[in-house]
C-alpha atoms as a PDB file:
ATOM      1  CA  MET A   1      -3.744  24.146  -6.778  1.00  0.00           C
ATOM      2  CA  THR A   2      -7.094  23.401  -8.383  1.00  0.00           C
ATOM      3  CA  GLU A   3      -6.847  25.520 -11.486  1.00  0.00           C
ATOM      4  CA  THR A   4      -4.888  25.086 -14.675  1.00  0.00           C
ATOM      5  CA  SER A   5      -4.454  27.068 -17.848  1.00  0.00           C
ATOM      6  CA  ASN A   6      -5.840  25.776 -21.110  1.00  0.00           C
ATOM      7  CA  SER A   7      -4.389  26.483 -24.563  1.00  0.00           C
ATOM      8  CA  ASN A   8      -6.155  29.863 -24.706  1.00  0.00           C
ATOM      9  CA  GLY A   9      -4.525  30.974 -21.448  1.00  0.00           C
ATOM     10  CA  ALA A  10      -7.844  31.062 -19.542  1.00  0.00           C
ATOM     11  CA  ASP A  11      -7.970  29.539 -16.071  1.00  0.00           C
ATOM     12  CA  GLU A  12     -10.453  26.733 -15.558  1.00  0.00           C
ATOM     13  CA  PRO A  13     -10.911  24.242 -12.724  1.00  0.00           C
ATOM     14  CA  LEU A  14      -9.052  20.957 -12.872  1.00  0.00           C
ATOM     15  CA  PHE A  15     -12.232  19.007 -12.065  1.00  0.00           C
ATOM     16  CA  ASP A  16     -15.308  20.725 -13.452  1.00  0.00           C
ATOM     17  CA  PHE A  17     -18.306  19.083 -11.801  1.00  0.00           C
ATOM     18  CA  ARG A  18     -21.570  20.300 -13.282  1.00  0.00           C
ATOM     19  CA  ASP A  19     -23.790  18.989 -10.509  1.00  0.00           C
ATOM     20  CA  GLU A  20     -23.751  17.184  -7.181  1.00  0.00           C
ATOM     21  CA  LYS A  21     -24.310  13.784  -8.842  1.00  0.00           C
ATOM     22  CA  GLN A  22     -20.998  14.058 -10.729  1.00  0.00           C
ATOM     23  CA  LYS A  23     -19.179  14.853  -7.476  1.00  0.00           C
ATOM     24  CA  GLN A  24     -20.764  11.828  -5.829  1.00  0.00           C
ATOM     25  CA  ASN A  25     -19.898   9.562  -8.771  1.00  0.00           C
ATOM     26  CA  PHE A  26     -16.286  10.744  -8.661  1.00  0.00           C
ATOM     27  CA  PHE A  27     -16.181   9.959  -4.943  1.00  0.00           C
ATOM     28  CA  TYR A  28     -17.412   6.396  -5.559  1.00  0.00           C
ATOM     29  CA  SER A  29     -14.833   5.843  -8.303  1.00  0.00           C
ATOM     30  CA  VAL A  30     -12.031   6.911  -5.970  1.00  0.00           C
ATOM     31  CA  LEU A  31     -13.462   4.755  -3.168  1.00  0.00           C
ATOM     32  CA  TRP A  32     -13.625   1.655  -5.385  1.00  0.00           C
ATOM     33  CA  ILE A  33     -10.046   2.271  -6.588  1.00  0.00           C
ATOM     34  CA  LEU A  34      -8.830   2.357  -2.978  1.00  0.00           C
ATOM     35  CA  VAL A  35     -10.803  -0.765  -2.018  1.00  0.00           C
ATOM     36  CA  THR A  36      -9.431  -2.553  -5.089  1.00  0.00           C
ATOM     37  CA  LEU A  37      -5.811  -1.632  -4.413  1.00  0.00           C
ATOM     38  CA  PHE A  38      -5.781  -2.316  -0.679  1.00  0.00           C
ATOM     39  CA  PHE A  39      -8.215  -5.218  -0.313  1.00  0.00           C
ATOM     40  CA  VAL A  40      -9.335  -6.905  -3.545  1.00  0.00           C
ATOM     41  CA  PHE A  41      -5.914  -7.278  -5.229  1.00  0.00           C
ATOM     42  CA  PRO A  42      -4.191  -8.643  -2.094  1.00  0.00           C
ATOM     43  CA  LEU A  43      -7.018 -11.133  -1.520  1.00  0.00           C
ATOM     44  CA  ALA A  44      -6.975 -12.347  -5.133  1.00  0.00           C
ATOM     45  CA  SER A  45      -3.159 -12.577  -5.040  1.00  0.00           C
ATOM     46  CA  PHE A  46      -3.290 -14.626  -1.850  1.00  0.00           C
ATOM     47  CA  LEU A  47      -5.897 -17.047  -3.202  1.00  0.00           C
ATOM     48  CA  SER A  48      -4.439 -17.545  -6.675  1.00  0.00           C
ATOM     49  CA  PRO A  49      -1.751 -20.169  -5.820  1.00  0.00           C
ATOM     50  CA  PHE A  50      -4.265 -22.264  -3.862  1.00  0.00           C
ATOM     51  CA  TRP A  51      -6.809 -21.953  -6.648  1.00  0.00           C
ATOM     52  CA  LEU A  52      -4.252 -23.096  -9.245  1.00  0.00           C
ATOM     53  CA  ILE A  53      -3.162 -26.098  -7.194  1.00  0.00           C
ATOM     54  CA  LEU A  54      -6.741 -27.169  -6.501  1.00  0.00           C
ATOM     55  CA  GLN A  55      -7.538 -26.965 -10.225  1.00  0.00           C
ATOM     56  CA  ILE A  56      -5.159 -29.867 -10.828  1.00  0.00           C
ATOM     57  CA  PHE A  57      -6.961 -32.164  -8.390  1.00  0.00           C
ATOM     58  CA  GLU A  58     -10.508 -31.122  -9.225  1.00  0.00           C
ATOM     59  CA  PRO A  59     -11.155 -34.024 -11.678  1.00  0.00           C
ATOM     60  CA  PHE A  60     -10.065 -36.589  -9.063  1.00  0.00           C
ATOM     61  CA  LEU A  61     -11.862 -35.058  -6.085  1.00  0.00           C
ATOM     62  CA  PRO A  62     -15.265 -33.656  -7.103  1.00  0.00           C
ATOM     63  CA  VAL A  63     -15.678 -31.980  -3.720  1.00  0.00           C
ATOM     64  CA  LEU A  64     -12.962 -29.532  -4.777  1.00  0.00           C
ATOM     65  CA  ARG A  65     -15.178 -28.232  -7.581  1.00  0.00           C
ATOM     66  CA  GLU A  66     -17.252 -26.270  -5.070  1.00  0.00           C
ATOM     67  CA  ALA A  67     -14.124 -24.887  -3.405  1.00  0.00           C
ATOM     68  CA  THR A  68     -12.554 -23.785  -6.679  1.00  0.00           C
ATOM     69  CA  SER A  69     -15.787 -22.219  -7.953  1.00  0.00           C
ATOM     70  CA  PHE A  70     -16.064 -20.298  -4.652  1.00  0.00           C
ATOM     71  CA  MET A  71     -12.449 -19.112  -4.997  1.00  0.00           C
ATOM     72  CA  ASP A  72     -13.091 -18.252  -8.631  1.00  0.00           C
ATOM     73  CA  LYS A  73     -15.639 -15.651  -7.534  1.00  0.00           C
ATOM     74  CA  PHE A  74     -12.925 -13.875  -5.556  1.00  0.00           C
ATOM     75  CA  MET A  75     -10.385 -14.296  -8.345  1.00  0.00           C
ATOM     76  CA  THR A  76     -12.683 -12.461 -10.778  1.00  0.00           C
ATOM     77  CA  TRP A  77     -13.734  -9.815  -8.240  1.00  0.00           C
ATOM     78  CA  PRO A  78     -11.184  -7.295  -9.614  1.00  0.00           C
ATOM     79  CA  ARG A  79     -13.094  -7.373 -12.923  1.00  0.00           C
ATOM     80  CA  LYS A  80     -16.314  -6.404 -11.132  1.00  0.00           C
ATOM     81  CA  MET A  81     -14.472  -3.685  -9.243  1.00  0.00           C
ATOM     82  CA  GLY A  82     -13.061  -2.318 -12.507  1.00  0.00           C
ATOM     83  CA  LEU A  83     -16.543  -2.122 -13.970  1.00  0.00           C
ATOM     84  CA  ALA A  84     -17.795  -0.359 -10.834  1.00  0.00           C
ATOM     85  CA  ILE A  85     -14.932   2.143 -11.096  1.00  0.00           C
ATOM     86  CA  TYR A  86     -15.647   2.780 -14.767  1.00  0.00           C
ATOM     87  CA  GLU A  87     -19.391   3.207 -14.223  1.00  0.00           C
ATOM     88  CA  SER A  88     -19.002   5.070 -10.878  1.00  0.00           C
ATOM     89  CA  ARG A  89     -21.522   2.759  -9.255  1.00  0.00           C
ATOM     90  CA  GLU A  90     -22.945   3.630  -5.879  1.00  0.00           C
ATOM     91  CA  THR A  91     -23.464   0.003  -4.844  1.00  0.00           C
ATOM     92  CA  PHE A  92     -20.644  -2.195  -3.648  1.00  0.00           C
ATOM     93  CA  PRO A  93     -19.704  -4.905  -6.175  1.00  0.00           C
ATOM     94  CA  ASN A  94     -20.377  -8.111  -4.262  1.00  0.00           C
ATOM     95  CA  PRO A  95     -18.081 -10.947  -5.361  1.00  0.00           C
ATOM     96  CA  LEU A  96     -20.640 -13.616  -4.412  1.00  0.00           C
ATOM     97  CA  GLU A  97     -23.436 -12.038  -6.413  1.00  0.00           C
ATOM     98  CA  GLU A  98     -24.086 -13.457  -9.859  1.00  0.00           C
ATOM     99  CA  THR A  99     -23.702 -10.950 -12.654  1.00  0.00           C
ATOM    100  CA  PRO A 100     -26.461 -10.899 -15.254  1.00  0.00           C
ATOM    101  CA  THR A 101     -25.328 -12.069 -18.645  1.00  0.00           C
ATOM    102  CA  SER A 102     -26.181 -10.043 -21.701  1.00  0.00           C
ATOM    103  CA  SER A 103     -27.845 -11.874 -24.549  1.00  0.00           C
END
C-alpha cells in the first residue's frame, strides 16, 4: 500500500518524489543504512575492545600509535556513514579518507 490519507481525507503517495534525483538520493540513503547496519557497526564493535586495550600501552610502545590511529579511522566510520545517510551522498564514505575540516 503506497497511499495514505491526509487530514483532509485526500489520498496522496507515501513517498512523493518530485524528480528522478530525489529517487536516486533516497536509494543511496537506504543503501548506506544497510551497509552501516550489516558491515560498519559489526566491524567497529569488533575492533573497539582491541582499540581500548592498545590505548593503554600506547605511551610505552610508540609503534602502537600508528595501529591505534588506523583503528580509530574505522571506529569513527559510523559517523561518516551517518553523514552520508543524512546528505544522501552518491559516493561511498571511505574510512581511510581524511575529512576536510571546516574553519
